[in-house]
Amino acid sequence: MDIKMQKNSGIINIGNGATYTVINHTKTENVDWERLTKEIAALKASSDRSIQKFADEAAEPIKKKDTGGIKNWLAKWVPCIGGLIETSYYILEIAARFGIL
């Protein structure tokens, strides 16, 4: 399933045992720019290169408080994050079957 920013409504299922959230957004919520800036700064300090790239791409639109730029950044990365969550679920399920979790 593709998740399109600002265009989904209904229930999004993220796996077995997940809680369900009804989503119906039509407007951009207020952004806490200071908190967002701090979160991105923390991610930039990560040793993981993909996390650094994620944070680097967000830095400029956040600095400019460019909501369009942030939407574009999120539209690029949300499918990657969704794929990671989906894959992680199966990895955790397999680990549980081997008694690792």
PDB file of N, CA and C in Angstrom:
ATOM      1  N   MET A   1       0.836  -1.180   0.000  1.00  0.00           N
ATOM      2  CA  MET A   1       0.000   0.000   0.000  1.00  0.00           C
ATOM      3  C   MET A   1       0.878   1.239   0.000  1.00  0.00           C
ATOM      4  N   ASP A   2       0.556   2.196  -0.813  1.00  0.00           N
ATOM      5  CA  ASP A   2       1.261   3.471  -0.806  1.00  0.00           C
ATOM      6  C   ASP A   2       0.562   4.415   0.147  1.00  0.00           C
ATOM      7  N   ILE A   3       1.344   5.131   0.948  1.00  0.00           N
ATOM      8  CA  ILE A   3       0.803   6.148   1.834  1.00  0.00           C
ATOM      9  C   ILE A   3       1.164   7.495   1.239  1.00  0.00           C
ATOM     10  N   LYS A   4       0.159   8.245   0.847  1.00  0.00           N
ATOM     11  CA  LYS A   4       0.390   9.549   0.238  1.00  0.00           C
ATOM     12  C   LYS A   4       0.113  10.616   1.289  1.00  0.00           C
ATOM     13  N   MET A   5       1.104  11.460   1.530  1.00  0.00           N
ATOM     14  CA  MET A   5       0.973  12.509   2.536  1.00  0.00           C
ATOM     15  C   MET A   5      -0.229  13.400   2.217  1.00  0.00           C
ATOM     16  N   GLN A   6      -1.015  13.697   3.247  1.00  0.00           N
ATOM     17  CA  GLN A   6      -2.166  14.585   3.163  1.00  0.00           C
ATOM     18  C   GLN A   6      -3.285  14.049   2.275  1.00  0.00           C
ATOM     19  N   LYS A   7      -3.204  12.779   1.827  1.00  0.00           N
ATOM     20  CA  LYS A   7      -4.222  12.270   0.920  1.00  0.00           C
ATOM     21  C   LYS A   7      -4.824  10.959   1.395  1.00  0.00           C
ATOM     22  N   ASN A   8      -4.528  10.517   2.608  1.00  0.00           N
ATOM     23  CA  ASN A   8      -5.064   9.271   3.121  1.00  0.00           C
ATOM     24  C   ASN A   8      -6.120   9.548   4.171  1.00  0.00           C
ATOM     25  N   SER A   9      -7.108   8.703   4.195  1.00  0.00           N
ATOM     26  CA  SER A   9      -8.061   8.735   5.287  1.00  0.00           C
ATOM     27  C   SER A   9      -8.490   7.302   5.518  1.00  0.00           C
ATOM     28  N   GLY A  10      -8.881   7.006   6.730  1.00  0.00           N
ATOM     29  CA  GLY A  10      -9.286   5.657   7.056  1.00  0.00           C
ATOM     30  C   GLY A  10      -8.317   5.017   8.014  1.00  0.00           C
ATOM     31  N   ILE A  11      -8.229   3.699   7.957  1.00  0.00           N
ATOM     32  CA  ILE A  11      -7.388   2.950   8.881  1.00  0.00           C
ATOM     33  C   ILE A  11      -6.131   2.496   8.160  1.00  0.00           C
ATOM     34  N   ILE A  12      -4.985   2.732   8.783  1.00  0.00           N
ATOM     35  CA  ILE A  12      -3.716   2.259   8.245  1.00  0.00           C
ATOM     36  C   ILE A  12      -3.235   1.149   9.170  1.00  0.00           C
ATOM     37  N   ASN A  13      -3.050  -0.058   8.627  1.00  0.00           N
ATOM     38  CA  ASN A  13      -2.618  -1.213   9.396  1.00  0.00           C
ATOM     39  C   ASN A  13      -1.117  -1.367   9.223  1.00  0.00           C
ATOM     40  N   ILE A  14      -0.376  -1.414  10.343  1.00  0.00           N
ATOM     41  CA  ILE A  14       1.079  -1.563  10.237  1.00  0.00           C
ATOM     42  C   ILE A  14       1.559  -2.913  10.758  1.00  0.00           C
ATOM     43  N   GLY A  15       0.647  -3.882  10.871  1.00  0.00           N
ATOM     44  CA  GLY A  15       1.101  -5.216  11.241  1.00  0.00           C
ATOM     45  C   GLY A  15       0.238  -5.873  12.297  1.00  0.00           C
ATOM     46  N   ASN A  16       0.501  -7.140  12.507  1.00  0.00           N
ATOM     47  CA  ASN A  16      -0.224  -7.949  13.477  1.00  0.00           C
ATOM     48  C   ASN A  16      -0.044  -7.377  14.876  1.00  0.00           C
ATOM     49  N   GLY A  17      -1.133  -7.241  15.609  1.00  0.00           N
ATOM     50  CA  GLY A  17      -1.051  -6.724  16.963  1.00  0.00           C
ATOM     51  C   GLY A  17      -0.901  -5.220  17.032  1.00  0.00           C
ATOM     52  N   ALA A  18      -0.997  -4.547  15.891  1.00  0.00           N
ATOM     53  CA  ALA A  18      -0.817  -3.102  15.866  1.00  0.00           C
ATOM     54  C   ALA A  18      -2.075  -2.410  16.376  1.00  0.00           C
ATOM     55  N   THR A  19      -1.905  -1.235  16.867  1.00  0.00           N
ATOM     56  CA  THR A  19      -3.067  -0.414  17.167  1.00  0.00           C
ATOM     57  C   THR A  19      -3.435   0.323  15.891  1.00  0.00           C
ATOM     58  N   TYR A  20      -4.682   0.621  15.727  1.00  0.00           N
ATOM     59  CA  TYR A  20      -5.145   1.246  14.501  1.00  0.00           C
ATOM     60  C   TYR A  20      -5.464   2.706  14.764  1.00  0.00           C
ATOM     61  N   THR A  21      -5.118   3.516  13.821  1.00  0.00           N
ATOM     62  CA  THR A  21      -5.346   4.946  13.938  1.00  0.00           C
ATOM     63  C   THR A  21      -6.190   5.402  12.754  1.00  0.00           C
ATOM     64  N   VAL A  22      -7.256   6.090  13.025  1.00  0.00           N
ATOM     65  CA  VAL A  22      -8.071   6.656  11.956  1.00  0.00           C
ATOM     66  C   VAL A  22      -7.468   7.996  11.596  1.00  0.00           C
ATOM     67  N   ILE A  23      -7.150   8.155  10.327  1.00  0.00           N
ATOM     68  CA  ILE A  23      -6.480   9.357   9.862  1.00  0.00           C
ATOM     69  C   ILE A  23      -7.397  10.104   8.904  1.00  0.00           C
ATOM     70  N   ASN A  24      -7.557  11.367   9.134  1.00  0.00           N
ATOM     71  CA  ASN A  24      -8.344  12.207   8.244  1.00  0.00           C
ATOM     72  C   ASN A  24      -7.812  13.632   8.360  1.00  0.00           C
ATOM     73  N   HIS A  25      -6.654  13.878   7.767  1.00  0.00           N
ATOM     74  CA  HIS A  25      -6.019  15.185   7.843  1.00  0.00           C
ATOM     75  C   HIS A  25      -6.290  15.971   6.574  1.00  0.00           C
ATOM     76  N   THR A  26      -6.666  17.205   6.759  1.00  0.00           N
ATOM     77  CA  THR A  26      -6.859  18.060   5.590  1.00  0.00           C
ATOM     78  C   THR A  26      -6.021  19.321   5.684  1.00  0.00           C
ATOM     79  N   LYS A  27      -5.368  19.549   6.821  1.00  0.00           N
ATOM     80  CA  LYS A  27      -4.554  20.752   6.948  1.00  0.00           C
ATOM     81  C   LYS A  27      -3.244  20.402   7.648  1.00  0.00           C
ATOM     82  N   THR A  28      -2.257  21.243   7.459  1.00  0.00           N
ATOM     83  CA  THR A  28      -0.977  21.066   8.112  1.00  0.00           C
ATOM     84  C   THR A  28      -1.087  21.560   9.548  1.00  0.00           C
ATOM     85  N   GLU A  29      -0.674  20.719  10.472  1.00  0.00           N
ATOM     86  CA  GLU A  29      -0.698  21.102  11.880  1.00  0.00           C
ATOM     87  C   GLU A  29       0.394  22.137  12.132  1.00  0.00           C
ATOM     88  N   ASN A  30       0.274  22.849  13.230  1.00  0.00           N
ATOM     89  CA  ASN A  30       1.326  23.790  13.612  1.00  0.00           C
ATOM     90  C   ASN A  30       2.612  23.023  13.870  1.00  0.00           C
ATOM     91  N   VAL A  31       3.704  23.561  13.427  1.00  0.00           N
ATOM     92  CA  VAL A  31       5.005  22.908  13.560  1.00  0.00           C
ATOM     93  C   VAL A  31       5.784  23.573  14.691  1.00  0.00           C
ATOM     94  N   ASP A  32       6.332  22.765  15.584  1.00  0.00           N
ATOM     95  CA  ASP A  32       7.218  23.272  16.635  1.00  0.00           C
ATOM     96  C   ASP A  32       8.623  23.300  16.020  1.00  0.00           C
ATOM     97  N   TRP A  33       8.970  24.429  15.399  1.00  0.00           N
ATOM     98  CA  TRP A  33      10.218  24.543  14.636  1.00  0.00           C
ATOM     99  C   TRP A  33      11.436  24.324  15.512  1.00  0.00           C
ATOM    100  N   GLU A  34      11.394  24.801  16.735  1.00  0.00           N
ATOM    101  CA  GLU A  34      12.534  24.635  17.632  1.00  0.00           C
ATOM    102  C   GLU A  34      12.761  23.157  17.952  1.00  0.00           C
ATOM    103  N   ARG A  35      11.699  22.465  18.262  1.00  0.00           N
ATOM    104  CA  ARG A  35      11.825  21.027  18.565  1.00  0.00           C
ATOM    105  C   ARG A  35      12.293  20.253  17.334  1.00  0.00           C
ATOM    106  N   LEU A  36      11.718  20.571  16.193  1.00  0.00           N
ATOM    107  CA  LEU A  36      12.105  19.897  14.950  1.00  0.00           C
ATOM    108  C   LEU A  36      13.580  20.124  14.641  1.00  0.00           C
ATOM    109  N   THR A  37      14.056  21.340  14.837  1.00  0.00           N
ATOM    110  CA  THR A  37      15.469  21.664  14.623  1.00  0.00           C
ATOM    111  C   THR A  37      16.363  20.845  15.548  1.00  0.00           C
ATOM    112  N   LYS A  38      15.960  20.718  16.809  1.00  0.00           N
ATOM    113  CA  LYS A  38      16.739  19.923  17.771  1.00  0.00           C
ATOM    114  C   LYS A  38      16.752  18.446  17.400  1.00  0.00           C
ATOM    115  N   GLU A  39      15.612  17.927  16.966  1.00  0.00           N
ATOM    116  CA  GLU A  39      15.536  16.515  16.564  1.00  0.00           C
ATOM    117  C   GLU A  39      16.453  16.233  15.370  1.00  0.00           C
ATOM    118  N   ILE A  40      16.440  17.129  14.394  1.00  0.00           N
ATOM    119  CA  ILE A  40      17.288  16.949  13.210  1.00  0.00           C
ATOM    120  C   ILE A  40      18.759  17.059  13.591  1.00  0.00           C
ATOM    121  N   ALA A  41      19.094  17.978  14.493  1.00  0.00           N
ATOM    122  CA  ALA A  41      20.484  18.101  14.952  1.00  0.00           C
ATOM    123  C   ALA A  41      20.940  16.809  15.627  1.00  0.00           C
ATOM    124  N   ALA A  42      20.065  16.209  16.415  1.00  0.00           N
ATOM    125  CA  ALA A  42      20.408  14.937  17.076  1.00  0.00           C
ATOM    126  C   ALA A  42      20.616  13.833  16.047  1.00  0.00           C
ATOM    127  N   LEU A  43      19.779  13.807  15.020  1.00  0.00           N
ATOM    128  CA  LEU A  43      19.924  12.784  13.975  1.00  0.00           C
ATOM    129  C   LEU A  43      21.199  12.986  13.166  1.00  0.00           C
ATOM    130  N   LYS A  44      21.585  14.241  12.948  1.00  0.00           N
ATOM    131  CA  LYS A  44      22.825  14.525  12.219  1.00  0.00           C
ATOM    132  C   LYS A  44      24.050  13.970  12.948  1.00  0.00           C
ATOM    133  N   ALA A  45      23.959  13.850  14.273  1.00  0.00           N
ATOM    134  CA  ALA A  45      25.078  13.345  15.076  1.00  0.00           C
ATOM    135  C   ALA A  45      25.165  11.817  15.075  1.00  0.00           C
ATOM    136  N   SER A  46      24.214  11.155  14.435  1.00  0.00           N
ATOM    137  CA  SER A  46      24.208   9.688  14.382  1.00  0.00           C
ATOM    138  C   SER A  46      25.419   9.159  13.617  1.00  0.00           C
ATOM    139  N   SER A  47      25.857   7.975  13.983  1.00  0.00           N
ATOM    140  CA  SER A  47      26.965   7.344  13.258  1.00  0.00           C
ATOM    141  C   SER A  47      26.468   6.638  11.994  1.00  0.00           C
ATOM    142  N   ASP A  48      25.177   6.491  11.844  1.00  0.00           N
ATOM    143  CA  ASP A  48      24.575   5.816  10.694  1.00  0.00           C
ATOM    144  C   ASP A  48      24.465   6.807   9.529  1.00  0.00           C
ATOM    145  N   ARG A  49      25.092   6.473   8.419  1.00  0.00           N
ATOM    146  CA  ARG A  49      25.133   7.393   7.267  1.00  0.00           C
ATOM    147  C   ARG A  49      23.745   7.663   6.684  1.00  0.00           C
ATOM    148  N   SER A  50      22.869   6.659   6.659  1.00  0.00           N
ATOM    149  CA  SER A  50      21.535   6.883   6.097  1.00  0.00           C
ATOM    150  C   SER A  50      20.729   7.837   6.974  1.00  0.00           C
ATOM    151  N   ILE A  51      20.908   7.760   8.278  1.00  0.00           N
ATOM    152  CA  ILE A  51      20.229   8.685   9.186  1.00  0.00           C
ATOM    153  C   ILE A  51      20.789  10.094   8.999  1.00  0.00           C
ATOM    154  N   GLN A  52      22.098  10.189   8.814  1.00  0.00           N
ATOM    155  CA  GLN A  52      22.712  11.500   8.559  1.00  0.00           C
ATOM    156  C   GLN A  52      22.169  12.108   7.269  1.00  0.00           C
ATOM    157  N   LYS A  53      22.028  11.279   6.231  1.00  0.00           N
ATOM    158  CA  LYS A  53      21.505  11.766   4.945  1.00  0.00           C
ATOM    159  C   LYS A  53      20.067  12.248   5.114  1.00  0.00           C
ATOM    160  N   PHE A  54      19.268  11.475   5.823  1.00  0.00           N
ATOM    161  CA  PHE A  54      17.891  11.853   6.124  1.00  0.00           C
ATOM    162  C   PHE A  54      17.847  13.227   6.791  1.00  0.00           C
ATOM    163  N   ALA A  55      18.680  13.416   7.801  1.00  0.00           N
ATOM    164  CA  ALA A  55      18.718  14.678   8.550  1.00  0.00           C
ATOM    165  C   ALA A  55      19.268  15.817   7.701  1.00  0.00           C
ATOM    166  N   ASP A  56      20.309  15.545   6.928  1.00  0.00           N
ATOM    167  CA  ASP A  56      20.902  16.591   6.081  1.00  0.00           C
ATOM    168  C   ASP A  56      19.884  17.140   5.081  1.00  0.00           C
ATOM    169  N   GLU A  57      19.090  16.248   4.507  1.00  0.00           N
ATOM    170  CA  GLU A  57      18.093  16.681   3.523  1.00  0.00           C
ATOM    171  C   GLU A  57      16.989  17.514   4.160  1.00  0.00           C
ATOM    172  N   ALA A  58      16.767  17.338   5.450  1.00  0.00           N
ATOM    173  CA  ALA A  58      15.724  18.095   6.144  1.00  0.00           C
ATOM    174  C   ALA A  58      16.217  19.453   6.618  1.00  0.00           C
ATOM    175  N   ALA A  59      17.495  19.590   6.807  1.00  0.00           N
ATOM    176  CA  ALA A  59      18.051  20.781   7.453  1.00  0.00           C
ATOM    177  C   ALA A  59      17.670  22.085   6.755  1.00  0.00           C
ATOM    178  N   GLU A  60      17.808  22.161   5.452  1.00  0.00           N
ATOM    179  CA  GLU A  60      17.555  23.418   4.737  1.00  0.00           C
ATOM    180  C   GLU A  60      16.084  23.837   4.788  1.00  0.00           C
ATOM    181  N   PRO A  61      15.132  22.932   4.450  1.00  0.00           N
ATOM    182  CA  PRO A  61      13.733  23.380   4.542  1.00  0.00           C
ATOM    183  C   PRO A  61      13.306  23.721   5.966  1.00  0.00           C
ATOM    184  N   ILE A  62      13.881  23.042   6.950  1.00  0.00           N
ATOM    185  CA  ILE A  62      13.547  23.360   8.340  1.00  0.00           C
ATOM    186  C   ILE A  62      14.117  24.726   8.714  1.00  0.00           C
ATOM    187  N   LYS A  63      15.353  24.981   8.305  1.00  0.00           N
ATOM    188  CA  LYS A  63      15.982  26.275   8.586  1.00  0.00           C
ATOM    189  C   LYS A  63      15.150  27.418   7.988  1.00  0.00           C
ATOM    190  N   LYS A  64      14.635  27.205   6.779  1.00  0.00           N
ATOM    191  CA  LYS A  64      13.847  28.225   6.082  1.00  0.00           C
ATOM    192  C   LYS A  64      12.366  28.206   6.495  1.00  0.00           C
ATOM    193  N   LYS A  65      11.998  27.220   7.325  1.00  0.00           N
ATOM    194  CA  LYS A  65      10.590  27.020   7.711  1.00  0.00           C
ATOM    195  C   LYS A  65       9.715  26.886   6.466  1.00  0.00           C
ATOM    196  N   ASP A  66      10.236  26.111   5.513  1.00  0.00           N
ATOM    197  CA  ASP A  66       9.607  25.886   4.214  1.00  0.00           C
ATOM    198  C   ASP A  66       8.737  24.632   4.286  1.00  0.00           C
ATOM    199  N   THR A  67       7.438  24.816   4.529  1.00  0.00           N
ATOM    200  CA  THR A  67       6.561  23.653   4.679  1.00  0.00           C
ATOM    201  C   THR A  67       6.472  22.831   3.386  1.00  0.00           C
ATOM    202  N   GLY A  68       6.550  23.487   2.230  1.00  0.00           N
ATOM    203  CA  GLY A  68       6.551  22.747   0.967  1.00  0.00           C
ATOM    204  C   GLY A  68       7.783  21.866   0.843  1.00  0.00           C
ATOM    205  N   GLY A  69       8.942  22.406   1.235  1.00  0.00           N
ATOM    206  CA  GLY A  69      10.177  21.629   1.203  1.00  0.00           C
ATOM    207  C   GLY A  69      10.127  20.461   2.178  1.00  0.00           C
ATOM    208  N   ILE A  70       9.522  20.684   3.321  1.00  0.00           N
ATOM    209  CA  ILE A  70       9.392  19.604   4.306  1.00  0.00           C
ATOM    210  C   ILE A  70       8.461  18.522   3.775  1.00  0.00           C
ATOM    211  N   LYS A  71       7.368  18.924   3.122  1.00  0.00           N
ATOM    212  CA  LYS A  71       6.455  17.937   2.531  1.00  0.00           C
ATOM    213  C   LYS A  71       7.175  17.106   1.477  1.00  0.00           C
ATOM    214  N   ASN A  72       7.993  17.750   0.652  1.00  0.00           N
ATOM    215  CA  ASN A  72       8.748  17.010  -0.366  1.00  0.00           C
ATOM    216  C   ASN A  72       9.735  16.039   0.277  1.00  0.00           C
ATOM    217  N   TRP A  73      10.413  16.495   1.332  1.00  0.00           N
ATOM    218  CA  TRP A  73      11.364  15.652   2.060  1.00  0.00           C
ATOM    219  C   TRP A  73      10.642  14.443   2.653  1.00  0.00           C
ATOM    220  N   LEU A  74       9.510  14.689   3.297  1.00  0.00           N
ATOM    221  CA  LEU A  74       8.745  13.592   3.891  1.00  0.00           C
ATOM    222  C   LEU A  74       8.206  12.638   2.832  1.00  0.00           C
ATOM    223  N   ALA A  75       7.726  13.183   1.712  1.00  0.00           N
ATOM    224  CA  ALA A  75       7.196  12.342   0.643  1.00  0.00           C
ATOM    225  C   ALA A  75       8.266  11.390   0.114  1.00  0.00           C
ATOM    226  N   LYS A  76       9.511  11.835   0.122  1.00  0.00           N
ATOM    227  CA  LYS A  76      10.614  10.983  -0.325  1.00  0.00           C
ATOM    228  C   LYS A  76      10.930   9.896   0.701  1.00  0.00           C
ATOM    229  N   TRP A  77      10.935  10.254   1.981  1.00  0.00           N
ATOM    230  CA  TRP A  77      11.420   9.345   3.017  1.00  0.00           C
ATOM    231  C   TRP A  77      10.358   8.465   3.662  1.00  0.00           C
ATOM    232  N   VAL A  78       9.107   8.878   3.690  1.00  0.00           N
ATOM    233  CA  VAL A  78       8.076   8.076   4.349  1.00  0.00           C
ATOM    234  C   VAL A  78       7.968   6.663   3.757  1.00  0.00           C
ATOM    235  N   PRO A  79       8.008   6.482   2.428  1.00  0.00           N
ATOM    236  CA  PRO A  79       7.964   5.111   1.914  1.00  0.00           C
ATOM    237  C   PRO A  79       9.152   4.258   2.391  1.00  0.00           C
ATOM    238  N   CYS A  80      10.320   4.871   2.516  1.00  0.00           N
ATOM    239  CA  CYS A  80      11.494   4.137   3.013  1.00  0.00           C
ATOM    240  C   CYS A  80      11.288   3.702   4.455  1.00  0.00           C
ATOM    241  N   ILE A  81      10.754   4.611   5.262  1.00  0.00           N
ATOM    242  CA  ILE A  81      10.511   4.306   6.669  1.00  0.00           C
ATOM    243  C   ILE A  81       9.439   3.231   6.790  1.00  0.00           C
ATOM    244  N   GLY A  82       8.389   3.341   5.969  1.00  0.00           N
ATOM    245  CA  GLY A  82       7.343   2.324   5.975  1.00  0.00           C
ATOM    246  C   GLY A  82       7.891   0.958   5.610  1.00  0.00           C
ATOM    247  N   GLY A  83       8.759   0.910   4.603  1.00  0.00           N
ATOM    248  CA  GLY A  83       9.391  -0.350   4.211  1.00  0.00           C
ATOM    249  C   GLY A  83      10.252  -0.920   5.318  1.00  0.00           C
ATOM    250  N   LEU A  84      10.964  -0.041   6.009  1.00  0.00           N
ATOM    251  CA  LEU A  84      11.800  -0.476   7.131  1.00  0.00           C
ATOM    252  C   LEU A  84      10.946  -1.054   8.254  1.00  0.00           C
ATOM    253  N   ILE A  85       9.842  -0.382   8.566  1.00  0.00           N
ATOM    254  CA  ILE A  85       8.942  -0.884   9.612  1.00  0.00           C
ATOM    255  C   ILE A  85       8.378  -2.247   9.215  1.00  0.00           C
ATOM    256  N   GLU A  86       7.938  -2.361   7.976  1.00  0.00           N
ATOM    257  CA  GLU A  86       7.376  -3.628   7.506  1.00  0.00           C
ATOM    258  C   GLU A  86       8.409  -4.747   7.576  1.00  0.00           C
ATOM    259  N   THR A  87       9.619  -4.482   7.102  1.00  0.00           N
ATOM    260  CA  THR A  87      10.682  -5.481   7.136  1.00  0.00           C
ATOM    261  C   THR A  87      11.068  -5.814   8.569  1.00  0.00           C
ATOM    262  N   SER A  88      11.162  -4.821   9.408  1.00  0.00           N
ATOM    263  CA  SER A  88      11.535  -5.034  10.808  1.00  0.00           C
ATOM    264  C   SER A  88      10.533  -5.932  11.512  1.00  0.00           C
ATOM    265  N   TYR A  89       9.259  -5.774  11.197  1.00  0.00           N
ATOM    266  CA  TYR A  89       8.232  -6.612  11.803  1.00  0.00           C
ATOM    267  C   TYR A  89       8.521  -8.079  11.518  1.00  0.00           C
ATOM    268  N   TYR A  90       8.824  -8.412  10.280  1.00  0.00           N
ATOM    269  CA  TYR A  90       9.087  -9.806   9.930  1.00  0.00           C
ATOM    270  C   TYR A  90      10.377 -10.316  10.556  1.00  0.00           C
ATOM    271  N   ILE A  91      11.386  -9.471  10.626  1.00  0.00           N
ATOM    272  CA  ILE A  91      12.645  -9.866  11.270  1.00  0.00           C
ATOM    273  C   ILE A  91      12.395 -10.153  12.747  1.00  0.00           C
ATOM    274  N   LEU A  92      11.633  -9.292  13.405  1.00  0.00           N
ATOM    275  CA  LEU A  92      11.322  -9.507  14.825  1.00  0.00           C
ATOM    276  C   LEU A  92      10.484 -10.767  15.032  1.00  0.00           C
ATOM    277  N   GLU A  93       9.570 -11.025  14.114  1.00  0.00           N
ATOM    278  CA  GLU A  93       8.742 -12.231  14.203  1.00  0.00           C
ATOM    279  C   GLU A  93       9.614 -13.485  14.086  1.00  0.00           C
ATOM    280  N   ILE A  94      10.545 -13.482  13.162  1.00  0.00           N
ATOM    281  CA  ILE A  94      11.451 -14.622  12.989  1.00  0.00           C
ATOM    282  C   ILE A  94      12.350 -14.767  14.219  1.00  0.00           C
ATOM    283  N   ALA A  95      12.862 -13.642  14.723  1.00  0.00           N
ATOM    284  CA  ALA A  95      13.706 -13.681  15.926  1.00  0.00           C
ATOM    285  C   ALA A  95      12.937 -14.286  17.102  1.00  0.00           C
ATOM    286  N   ALA A  96      11.677 -13.927  17.236  1.00  0.00           N
ATOM    287  CA  ALA A  96      10.842 -14.480  18.317  1.00  0.00           C
ATOM    288  C   ALA A  96      10.700 -15.999  18.185  1.00  0.00           C
ATOM    289  N   ARG A  97      10.576 -16.470  16.966  1.00  0.00           N
ATOM    290  CA  ARG A  97      10.440 -17.918  16.745  1.00  0.00           C
ATOM    291  C   ARG A  97      11.723 -18.670  17.112  1.00  0.00           C
ATOM    292  N   PHE A  98      12.848 -17.973  17.039  1.00  0.00           N
ATOM    293  CA  PHE A  98      14.116 -18.584  17.430  1.00  0.00           C
ATOM    294  C   PHE A  98      14.423 -18.329  18.910  1.00  0.00           C
ATOM    295  N   GLY A  99      13.488 -17.692  19.614  1.00  0.00           N
ATOM    296  CA  GLY A  99      13.675 -17.452  21.041  1.00  0.00           C
ATOM    297  C   GLY A  99      14.625 -16.315  21.373  1.00  0.00           C
ATOM    298  N   ILE A 100      14.891 -15.450  20.411  1.00  0.00           N
ATOM    299  CA  ILE A 100      15.811 -14.337  20.624  1.00  0.00           C
ATOM    300  C   ILE A 100      15.107 -13.193  21.348  1.00  0.00           C
ATOM    301  N   LEU A 101      13.821 -13.054  21.146  1.00  0.00           N
ATOM    302  CA  LEU A 101      13.057 -11.977  21.808  1.00  0.00           C
ATOM    303  C   LEU A 101      12.209 -12.533  22.909  1.00  0.00           C
TER     304      LEU A 101
END
